[in-house]
Amino acid sequence: MLYTINKSPLMFGNLKSALRIAPEGEPVLLYEDGVYAAAHGAATEALVADALAKHPIFALKADLEARGITRLIDGIRVVDYDGFVALVEEHPVVPWL
């Protein structure tokens, strides 16, 4: 399953909830305001750093750029739209609100 996070984890508990139920090894994709979780120095950095030990975490490049996020937590993988499509094709999607 691909767990998709599109709401800011700074305002919503969606990322914490998704990580609590996601089986180890399942990928997480941050897009739209969800990419704030990928920012180095964000309040959620420790949560994301811990999650990286269990899950591959991806962030959508266009959304990072649109929000001016340039410094990422080590281990976050940046994908473009083709990479997003490839993840969706490879994994059933679980939109996490």
PDB file of N, CA and C in Angstrom:
ATOM      1  N   MET A   1       0.827  -1.177   0.000  1.00  0.00           N
ATOM      2  CA  MET A   1       0.000   0.000   0.000  1.00  0.00           C
ATOM      3  C   MET A   1       0.878   1.250   0.000  1.00  0.00           C
ATOM      4  N   LEU A   2       0.444   2.258  -0.697  1.00  0.00           N
ATOM      5  CA  LEU A   2       1.106   3.559  -0.707  1.00  0.00           C
ATOM      6  C   LEU A   2       0.271   4.502   0.154  1.00  0.00           C
ATOM      7  N   TYR A   3       0.865   4.990   1.231  1.00  0.00           N
ATOM      8  CA  TYR A   3       0.171   5.919   2.121  1.00  0.00           C
ATOM      9  C   TYR A   3       0.478   7.336   1.664  1.00  0.00           C
ATOM     10  N   THR A   4      -0.543   8.080   1.283  1.00  0.00           N
ATOM     11  CA  THR A   4      -0.365   9.420   0.746  1.00  0.00           C
ATOM     12  C   THR A   4      -0.806  10.456   1.779  1.00  0.00           C
ATOM     13  N   ILE A   5       0.051  11.444   1.972  1.00  0.00           N
ATOM     14  CA  ILE A   5      -0.193  12.503   2.944  1.00  0.00           C
ATOM     15  C   ILE A   5      -0.192  13.834   2.199  1.00  0.00           C
ATOM     16  N   ASN A   6      -1.356  14.512   2.188  1.00  0.00           N
ATOM     17  CA  ASN A   6      -1.423  15.789   1.478  1.00  0.00           C
ATOM     18  C   ASN A   6      -1.784  16.966   2.373  1.00  0.00           C
ATOM     19  N   LYS A   7      -1.969  16.732   3.660  1.00  0.00           N
ATOM     20  CA  LYS A   7      -2.260  17.814   4.612  1.00  0.00           C
ATOM     21  C   LYS A   7      -1.021  18.081   5.459  1.00  0.00           C
ATOM     22  N   SER A   8      -0.868  19.307   5.883  1.00  0.00           N
ATOM     23  CA  SER A   8       0.282  19.667   6.697  1.00  0.00           C
ATOM     24  C   SER A   8       0.257  18.929   8.024  1.00  0.00           C
ATOM     25  N   PRO A   9       1.331  18.219   8.343  1.00  0.00           N
ATOM     26  CA  PRO A   9       1.400  17.533   9.631  1.00  0.00           C
ATOM     27  C   PRO A   9       1.571  18.511  10.784  1.00  0.00           C
ATOM     28  N   LEU A  10       1.818  19.771  10.463  1.00  0.00           N
ATOM     29  CA  LEU A  10       1.936  20.798  11.489  1.00  0.00           C
ATOM     30  C   LEU A  10       0.562  21.250  11.979  1.00  0.00           C
ATOM     31  N   MET A  11      -0.471  20.946  11.194  1.00  0.00           N
ATOM     32  CA  MET A  11      -1.833  21.355  11.555  1.00  0.00           C
ATOM     33  C   MET A  11      -2.782  20.177  11.765  1.00  0.00           C
ATOM     34  N   PHE A  12      -2.426  19.026  11.229  1.00  0.00           N
ATOM     35  CA  PHE A  12      -3.294  17.852  11.289  1.00  0.00           C
ATOM     36  C   PHE A  12      -2.495  16.653  11.801  1.00  0.00           C
ATOM     37  N   GLY A  13      -3.166  15.664  12.331  1.00  0.00           N
ATOM     38  CA  GLY A  13      -2.505  14.454  12.832  1.00  0.00           C
ATOM     39  C   GLY A  13      -2.442  13.334  11.823  1.00  0.00           C
ATOM     40  N   ASN A  14      -2.638  13.668  10.552  1.00  0.00           N
ATOM     41  CA  ASN A  14      -2.709  12.636   9.521  1.00  0.00           C
ATOM     42  C   ASN A  14      -1.428  11.814   9.368  1.00  0.00           C
ATOM     43  N   LEU A  15      -0.281  12.460   9.437  1.00  0.00           N
ATOM     44  CA  LEU A  15       0.966  11.725   9.277  1.00  0.00           C
ATOM     45  C   LEU A  15       1.172  10.759  10.438  1.00  0.00           C
ATOM     46  N   LYS A  16       0.973  11.229  11.652  1.00  0.00           N
ATOM     47  CA  LYS A  16       1.124  10.357  12.820  1.00  0.00           C
ATOM     48  C   LYS A  16       0.185   9.166  12.730  1.00  0.00           C
ATOM     49  N   SER A  17      -1.058   9.410  12.345  1.00  0.00           N
ATOM     50  CA  SER A  17      -2.045   8.329  12.241  1.00  0.00           C
ATOM     51  C   SER A  17      -1.646   7.310  11.182  1.00  0.00           C
ATOM     52  N   ALA A  18      -1.225   7.805  10.032  1.00  0.00           N
ATOM     53  CA  ALA A  18      -0.835   6.899   8.951  1.00  0.00           C
ATOM     54  C   ALA A  18       0.358   6.052   9.361  1.00  0.00           C
ATOM     55  N   LEU A  19       1.336   6.668   9.991  1.00  0.00           N
ATOM     56  CA  LEU A  19       2.527   5.920  10.403  1.00  0.00           C
ATOM     57  C   LEU A  19       2.215   4.907  11.494  1.00  0.00           C
ATOM     58  N   ARG A  20       1.221   5.191  12.296  1.00  0.00           N
ATOM     59  CA  ARG A  20       0.837   4.270  13.362  1.00  0.00           C
ATOM     60  C   ARG A  20       0.262   2.975  12.800  1.00  0.00           C
ATOM     61  N   ILE A  21      -0.437   3.046  11.674  1.00  0.00           N
ATOM     62  CA  ILE A  21      -1.078   1.838  11.137  1.00  0.00           C
ATOM     63  C   ILE A  21      -0.360   1.224   9.933  1.00  0.00           C
ATOM     64  N   ALA A  22       0.532   1.964   9.306  1.00  0.00           N
ATOM     65  CA  ALA A  22       1.216   1.460   8.104  1.00  0.00           C
ATOM     66  C   ALA A  22       2.155   0.312   8.469  1.00  0.00           C
ATOM     67  N   PRO A  23       1.997  -0.829   7.820  1.00  0.00           N
ATOM     68  CA  PRO A  23       2.925  -1.934   8.071  1.00  0.00           C
ATOM     69  C   PRO A  23       4.353  -1.544   7.666  1.00  0.00           C
ATOM     70  N   GLU A  24       5.308  -2.082   8.382  1.00  0.00           N
ATOM     71  CA  GLU A  24       6.704  -1.782   8.085  1.00  0.00           C
ATOM     72  C   GLU A  24       7.011  -2.090   6.623  1.00  0.00           C
ATOM     73  N   GLY A  25       7.759  -1.204   6.008  1.00  0.00           N
ATOM     74  CA  GLY A  25       8.167  -1.381   4.619  1.00  0.00           C
ATOM     75  C   GLY A  25       7.257  -0.728   3.607  1.00  0.00           C
ATOM     76  N   GLU A  26       6.061  -0.325   4.034  1.00  0.00           N
ATOM     77  CA  GLU A  26       5.131   0.308   3.096  1.00  0.00           C
ATOM     78  C   GLU A  26       5.557   1.759   2.852  1.00  0.00           C
ATOM     79  N   PRO A  27       5.508   2.216   1.601  1.00  0.00           N
ATOM     80  CA  PRO A  27       5.959   3.567   1.282  1.00  0.00           C
ATOM     81  C   PRO A  27       4.949   4.637   1.682  1.00  0.00           C
ATOM     82  N   VAL A  28       5.493   5.823   1.929  1.00  0.00           N
ATOM     83  CA  VAL A  28       4.697   6.997   2.271  1.00  0.00           C
ATOM     84  C   VAL A  28       5.066   8.084   1.276  1.00  0.00           C
ATOM     85  N   LEU A  29       4.049   8.726   0.704  1.00  0.00           N
ATOM     86  CA  LEU A  29       4.278   9.814  -0.239  1.00  0.00           C
ATOM     87  C   LEU A  29       3.723  11.105   0.340  1.00  0.00           C
ATOM     88  N   LEU A  30       4.577  12.111   0.424  1.00  0.00           N
ATOM     89  CA  LEU A  30       4.187  13.444   0.880  1.00  0.00           C
ATOM     90  C   LEU A  30       3.977  14.320  -0.345  1.00  0.00           C
ATOM     91  N   TYR A  31       2.819  14.956  -0.436  1.00  0.00           N
ATOM     92  CA  TYR A  31       2.558  15.870  -1.546  1.00  0.00           C
ATOM     93  C   TYR A  31       1.640  16.979  -1.053  1.00  0.00           C
ATOM     94  N   GLU A  32       1.409  17.981  -1.914  1.00  0.00           N
ATOM     95  CA  GLU A  32       0.694  19.188  -1.519  1.00  0.00           C
ATOM     96  C   GLU A  32       1.297  19.687  -0.200  1.00  0.00           C
ATOM     97  N   ASP A  33       0.492  20.047   0.802  1.00  0.00           N
ATOM     98  CA  ASP A  33       1.046  20.553   2.057  1.00  0.00           C
ATOM     99  C   ASP A  33       1.694  19.467   2.912  1.00  0.00           C
ATOM    100  N   GLY A  34       1.536  18.222   2.546  1.00  0.00           N
ATOM    101  CA  GLY A  34       2.194  17.135   3.262  1.00  0.00           C
ATOM    102  C   GLY A  34       3.708  17.213   3.187  1.00  0.00           C
ATOM    103  N   VAL A  35       4.241  17.923   2.172  1.00  0.00           N
ATOM    104  CA  VAL A  35       5.698  18.018   2.016  1.00  0.00           C
ATOM    105  C   VAL A  35       6.358  18.801   3.147  1.00  0.00           C
ATOM    106  N   TYR A  36       5.577  19.547   3.931  1.00  0.00           N
ATOM    107  CA  TYR A  36       6.174  20.246   5.072  1.00  0.00           C
ATOM    108  C   TYR A  36       6.821  19.261   6.045  1.00  0.00           C
ATOM    109  N   ALA A  37       6.354  18.031   6.072  1.00  0.00           N
ATOM    110  CA  ALA A  37       6.938  17.006   6.944  1.00  0.00           C
ATOM    111  C   ALA A  37       8.347  16.630   6.509  1.00  0.00           C
ATOM    112  N   ALA A  38       8.711  16.900   5.268  1.00  0.00           N
ATOM    113  CA  ALA A  38      10.036  16.540   4.752  1.00  0.00           C
ATOM    114  C   ALA A  38      11.097  17.577   5.071  1.00  0.00           C
ATOM    115  N   ALA A  39      10.682  18.739   5.555  1.00  0.00           N
ATOM    116  CA  ALA A  39      11.612  19.848   5.762  1.00  0.00           C
ATOM    117  C   ALA A  39      12.530  19.611   6.951  1.00  0.00           C
ATOM    118  N   HIS A  40      13.805  19.786   6.710  1.00  0.00           N
ATOM    119  CA  HIS A  40      14.805  19.716   7.789  1.00  0.00           C
ATOM    120  C   HIS A  40      14.503  20.839   8.776  1.00  0.00           C
ATOM    121  N   GLY A  41      14.429  20.497  10.060  1.00  0.00           N
ATOM    122  CA  GLY A  41      14.161  21.491  11.083  1.00  0.00           C
ATOM    123  C   GLY A  41      12.698  21.671  11.434  1.00  0.00           C
ATOM    124  N   ALA A  42      11.818  20.981  10.728  1.00  0.00           N
ATOM    125  CA  ALA A  42      10.383  21.080  11.034  1.00  0.00           C
ATOM    126  C   ALA A  42      10.093  20.404  12.371  1.00  0.00           C
ATOM    127  N   ALA A  43       8.977  20.772  12.968  1.00  0.00           N
ATOM    128  CA  ALA A  43       8.584  20.195  14.261  1.00  0.00           C
ATOM    129  C   ALA A  43       8.397  18.681  14.182  1.00  0.00           C
ATOM    130  N   THR A  44       8.147  18.177  12.988  1.00  0.00           N
ATOM    131  CA  THR A  44       7.912  16.737  12.799  1.00  0.00           C
ATOM    132  C   THR A  44       9.177  15.973  12.403  1.00  0.00           C
ATOM    133  N   GLU A  45      10.326  16.629  12.450  1.00  0.00           N
ATOM    134  CA  GLU A  45      11.556  15.984  11.966  1.00  0.00           C
ATOM    135  C   GLU A  45      11.861  14.678  12.698  1.00  0.00           C
ATOM    136  N   ALA A  46      11.729  14.652  14.014  1.00  0.00           N
ATOM    137  CA  ALA A  46      12.030  13.427  14.770  1.00  0.00           C
ATOM    138  C   ALA A  46      11.082  12.304  14.383  1.00  0.00           C
ATOM    139  N   LEU A  47       9.811  12.619  14.217  1.00  0.00           N
ATOM    140  CA  LEU A  47       8.815  11.621  13.803  1.00  0.00           C
ATOM    141  C   LEU A  47       9.192  11.031  12.442  1.00  0.00           C
ATOM    142  N   VAL A  48       9.525  11.890  11.504  1.00  0.00           N
ATOM    143  CA  VAL A  48       9.865  11.441  10.155  1.00  0.00           C
ATOM    144  C   VAL A  48      11.188  10.671  10.161  1.00  0.00           C
ATOM    145  N   ALA A  49      12.164  11.152  10.900  1.00  0.00           N
ATOM    146  CA  ALA A  49      13.455  10.450  10.979  1.00  0.00           C
ATOM    147  C   ALA A  49      13.261   9.038  11.526  1.00  0.00           C
ATOM    148  N   ASP A  50      12.432   8.884  12.549  1.00  0.00           N
ATOM    149  CA  ASP A  50      12.134   7.545  13.087  1.00  0.00           C
ATOM    150  C   ASP A  50      11.406   6.695  12.056  1.00  0.00           C
ATOM    151  N   ALA A  51      10.468   7.300  11.347  1.00  0.00           N
ATOM    152  CA  ALA A  51       9.689   6.569  10.346  1.00  0.00           C
ATOM    153  C   ALA A  51      10.563   6.081   9.194  1.00  0.00           C
ATOM    154  N   LEU A  52      11.606   6.829   8.872  1.00  0.00           N
ATOM    155  CA  LEU A  52      12.496   6.433   7.777  1.00  0.00           C
ATOM    156  C   LEU A  52      13.205   5.115   8.051  1.00  0.00           C
ATOM    157  N   ALA A  53      13.304   4.720   9.297  1.00  0.00           N
ATOM    158  CA  ALA A  53      13.905   3.425   9.628  1.00  0.00           C
ATOM    159  C   ALA A  53      12.975   2.277   9.262  1.00  0.00           C
ATOM    160  N   LYS A  54      11.686   2.577   9.058  1.00  0.00           N
ATOM    161  CA  LYS A  54      10.695   1.542   8.775  1.00  0.00           C
ATOM    162  C   LYS A  54      10.042   1.674   7.403  1.00  0.00           C
ATOM    163  N   HIS A  55      10.076   2.867   6.830  1.00  0.00           N
ATOM    164  CA  HIS A  55       9.342   3.126   5.586  1.00  0.00           C
ATOM    165  C   HIS A  55      10.182   3.954   4.623  1.00  0.00           C
ATOM    166  N   PRO A  56      10.093   3.649   3.329  1.00  0.00           N
ATOM    167  CA  PRO A  56      10.629   4.610   2.369  1.00  0.00           C
ATOM    168  C   PRO A  56       9.657   5.787   2.312  1.00  0.00           C
ATOM    169  N   ILE A  57      10.190   7.001   2.400  1.00  0.00           N
ATOM    170  CA  ILE A  57       9.345   8.192   2.373  1.00  0.00           C
ATOM    171  C   ILE A  57       9.752   9.041   1.183  1.00  0.00           C
ATOM    172  N   PHE A  58       8.757   9.402   0.384  1.00  0.00           N
ATOM    173  CA  PHE A  58       8.946  10.170  -0.833  1.00  0.00           C
ATOM    174  C   PHE A  58       8.266  11.527  -0.694  1.00  0.00           C
ATOM    175  N   ALA A  59       8.804  12.544  -1.364  1.00  0.00           N
ATOM    176  CA  ALA A  59       8.190  13.865  -1.407  1.00  0.00           C
ATOM    177  C   ALA A  59       8.145  14.314  -2.859  1.00  0.00           C
ATOM    178  N   LEU A  60       7.036  14.918  -3.247  1.00  0.00           N
ATOM    179  CA  LEU A  60       6.844  15.358  -4.626  1.00  0.00           C
ATOM    180  C   LEU A  60       7.626  16.651  -4.878  1.00  0.00           C
ATOM    181  N   LYS A  61       8.520  16.599  -5.844  1.00  0.00           N
ATOM    182  CA  LYS A  61       9.426  17.701  -6.153  1.00  0.00           C
ATOM    183  C   LYS A  61       8.691  19.008  -6.430  1.00  0.00           C
ATOM    184  N   ALA A  62       7.652  18.969  -7.239  1.00  0.00           N
ATOM    185  CA  ALA A  62       6.935  20.200  -7.598  1.00  0.00           C
ATOM    186  C   ALA A  62       6.337  20.877  -6.365  1.00  0.00           C
ATOM    187  N   ASP A  63       5.859  20.089  -5.415  1.00  0.00           N
ATOM    188  CA  ASP A  63       5.269  20.669  -4.212  1.00  0.00           C
ATOM    189  C   ASP A  63       6.340  21.198  -3.267  1.00  0.00           C
ATOM    190  N   LEU A  64       7.493  20.545  -3.210  1.00  0.00           N
ATOM    191  CA  LEU A  64       8.614  21.089  -2.437  1.00  0.00           C
ATOM    192  C   LEU A  64       9.031  22.444  -3.000  1.00  0.00           C
ATOM    193  N   GLU A  65       9.176  22.496  -4.311  1.00  0.00           N
ATOM    194  CA  GLU A  65       9.591  23.739  -4.965  1.00  0.00           C
ATOM    195  C   GLU A  65       8.559  24.842  -4.774  1.00  0.00           C
ATOM    196  N   ALA A  66       7.274  24.505  -4.904  1.00  0.00           N
ATOM    197  CA  ALA A  66       6.211  25.500  -4.767  1.00  0.00           C
ATOM    198  C   ALA A  66       6.182  26.119  -3.371  1.00  0.00           C
ATOM    199  N   ARG A  67       6.661  25.383  -2.372  1.00  0.00           N
ATOM    200  CA  ARG A  67       6.651  25.851  -0.985  1.00  0.00           C
ATOM    201  C   ARG A  67       8.026  26.329  -0.526  1.00  0.00           C
ATOM    202  N   GLY A  68       8.987  26.325  -1.428  1.00  0.00           N
ATOM    203  CA  GLY A  68      10.314  26.828  -1.107  1.00  0.00           C
ATOM    204  C   GLY A  68      11.103  25.951  -0.154  1.00  0.00           C
ATOM    205  N   ILE A  69      10.775  24.668  -0.102  1.00  0.00           N
ATOM    206  CA  ILE A  69      11.477  23.746   0.794  1.00  0.00           C
ATOM    207  C   ILE A  69      12.692  23.193   0.059  1.00  0.00           C
ATOM    208  N   THR A  70      13.860  23.534   0.564  1.00  0.00           N
ATOM    209  CA  THR A  70      15.097  23.106  -0.099  1.00  0.00           C
ATOM    210  C   THR A  70      15.946  22.184   0.768  1.00  0.00           C
ATOM    211  N   ARG A  71      15.847  22.301   2.090  1.00  0.00           N
ATOM    212  CA  ARG A  71      16.622  21.428   2.981  1.00  0.00           C
ATOM    213  C   ARG A  71      15.702  20.330   3.493  1.00  0.00           C
ATOM    214  N   LEU A  72      16.033  19.097   3.140  1.00  0.00           N
ATOM    215  CA  LEU A  72      15.193  17.955   3.491  1.00  0.00           C
ATOM    216  C   LEU A  72      15.847  17.102   4.568  1.00  0.00           C
ATOM    217  N   ILE A  73      15.030  16.370   5.278  1.00  0.00           N
ATOM    218  CA  ILE A  73      15.500  15.384   6.243  1.00  0.00           C
ATOM    219  C   ILE A  73      16.267  14.315   5.461  1.00  0.00           C
ATOM    220  N   ASP A  74      17.423  13.915   5.963  1.00  0.00           N
ATOM    221  CA  ASP A  74      18.208  12.877   5.294  1.00  0.00           C
ATOM    222  C   ASP A  74      17.379  11.613   5.119  1.00  0.00           C
ATOM    223  N   GLY A  75      17.391  11.081   3.911  1.00  0.00           N
ATOM    224  CA  GLY A  75      16.677   9.842   3.630  1.00  0.00           C
ATOM    225  C   GLY A  75      15.386  10.038   2.865  1.00  0.00           C
ATOM    226  N   ILE A  76      14.868  11.260   2.827  1.00  0.00           N
ATOM    227  CA  ILE A  76      13.659  11.538   2.041  1.00  0.00           C
ATOM    228  C   ILE A  76      14.036  11.430   0.563  1.00  0.00           C
ATOM    229  N   ARG A  77      13.228  10.720  -0.178  1.00  0.00           N
ATOM    230  CA  ARG A  77      13.461  10.559  -1.619  1.00  0.00           C
ATOM    231  C   ARG A  77      12.534  11.505  -2.384  1.00  0.00           C
ATOM    232  N   VAL A  78      13.104  12.290  -3.252  1.00  0.00           N
ATOM    233  CA  VAL A  78      12.329  13.245  -4.043  1.00  0.00           C
ATOM    234  C   VAL A  78      11.925  12.582  -5.353  1.00  0.00           C
ATOM    235  N   VAL A  79      10.640  12.713  -5.693  1.00  0.00           N
ATOM    236  CA  VAL A  79      10.143  12.161  -6.955  1.00  0.00           C
ATOM    237  C   VAL A  79       9.449  13.253  -7.751  1.00  0.00           C
ATOM    238  N   ASP A  80       9.519  13.112  -9.074  1.00  0.00           N
ATOM    239  CA  ASP A  80       8.764  14.005  -9.945  1.00  0.00           C
ATOM    240  C   ASP A  80       7.413  13.352 -10.240  1.00  0.00           C
ATOM    241  N   TYR A  81       6.642  13.945 -11.138  1.00  0.00           N
ATOM    242  CA  TYR A  81       5.319  13.384 -11.426  1.00  0.00           C
ATOM    243  C   TYR A  81       5.391  11.969 -11.992  1.00  0.00           C
ATOM    244  N   ASP A  82       6.405  11.696 -12.798  1.00  0.00           N
ATOM    245  CA  ASP A  82       6.567  10.327 -13.314  1.00  0.00           C
ATOM    246  C   ASP A  82       6.835   9.350 -12.174  1.00  0.00           C
ATOM    247  N   GLY A  83       7.623   9.773 -11.204  1.00  0.00           N
ATOM    248  CA  GLY A  83       7.888   8.935 -10.040  1.00  0.00           C
ATOM    249  C   GLY A  83       6.636   8.712  -9.208  1.00  0.00           C
ATOM    250  N   PHE A  84       5.805   9.737  -9.102  1.00  0.00           N
ATOM    251  CA  PHE A  84       4.526   9.636  -8.397  1.00  0.00           C
ATOM    252  C   PHE A  84       3.661   8.585  -9.087  1.00  0.00           C
ATOM    253  N   VAL A  85       3.574   8.672 -10.394  1.00  0.00           N
ATOM    254  CA  VAL A  85       2.766   7.710 -11.156  1.00  0.00           C
ATOM    255  C   VAL A  85       3.320   6.296 -10.985  1.00  0.00           C
ATOM    256  N   ALA A  86       4.628   6.156 -11.014  1.00  0.00           N
ATOM    257  CA  ALA A  86       5.234   4.834 -10.849  1.00  0.00           C
ATOM    258  C   ALA A  86       4.898   4.245  -9.475  1.00  0.00           C
ATOM    259  N   LEU A  87       4.912   5.071  -8.427  1.00  0.00           N
ATOM    260  CA  LEU A  87       4.543   4.590  -7.092  1.00  0.00           C
ATOM    261  C   LEU A  87       3.087   4.128  -7.057  1.00  0.00           C
ATOM    262  N   VAL A  88       2.215   4.898  -7.682  1.00  0.00           N
ATOM    263  CA  VAL A  88       0.785   4.551  -7.711  1.00  0.00           C
ATOM    264  C   VAL A  88       0.557   3.267  -8.495  1.00  0.00           C
ATOM    265  N   GLU A  89       1.286   3.108  -9.600  1.00  0.00           N
ATOM    266  CA  GLU A  89       1.154   1.885 -10.386  1.00  0.00           C
ATOM    267  C   GLU A  89       1.650   0.656  -9.623  1.00  0.00           C
ATOM    268  N   GLU A  90       2.657   0.847  -8.803  1.00  0.00           N
ATOM    269  CA  GLU A  90       3.266  -0.271  -8.079  1.00  0.00           C
ATOM    270  C   GLU A  90       2.514  -0.653  -6.803  1.00  0.00           C
ATOM    271  N   HIS A  91       1.816   0.322  -6.207  1.00  0.00           N
ATOM    272  CA  HIS A  91       1.159   0.089  -4.915  1.00  0.00           C
ATOM    273  C   HIS A  91      -0.280   0.583  -4.931  1.00  0.00           C
ATOM    274  N   PRO A  92      -1.229  -0.164  -4.358  1.00  0.00           N
ATOM    275  CA  PRO A  92      -2.561   0.401  -4.159  1.00  0.00           C
ATOM    276  C   PRO A  92      -2.447   1.606  -3.233  1.00  0.00           C
ATOM    277  N   VAL A  93      -3.243   2.630  -3.492  1.00  0.00           N
ATOM    278  CA  VAL A  93      -3.137   3.879  -2.754  1.00  0.00           C
ATOM    279  C   VAL A  93      -4.084   3.914  -1.580  1.00  0.00           C
ATOM    280  N   VAL A  94      -3.570   4.387  -0.443  1.00  0.00           N
ATOM    281  CA  VAL A  94      -4.384   4.647   0.740  1.00  0.00           C
ATOM    282  C   VAL A  94      -4.309   6.143   0.989  1.00  0.00           C
ATOM    283  N   PRO A  95      -5.316   6.913   0.530  1.00  0.00           N
ATOM    284  CA  PRO A  95      -5.278   8.349   0.800  1.00  0.00           C
ATOM    285  C   PRO A  95      -5.538   8.574   2.298  1.00  0.00           C
ATOM    286  N   TRP A  96      -4.656   9.295   2.922  1.00  0.00           N
ATOM    287  CA  TRP A  96      -4.783   9.493   4.365  1.00  0.00           C
ATOM    288  C   TRP A  96      -5.162  10.934   4.631  1.00  0.00           C
ATOM    289  N   LEU A  97      -6.365  11.132   5.137  1.00  0.00           N
ATOM    290  CA  LEU A  97      -6.876  12.491   5.336  1.00  0.00           C
ATOM    291  C   LEU A  97      -6.583  13.007   6.713  1.00  0.00           C
TER     292      LEU A  97
END
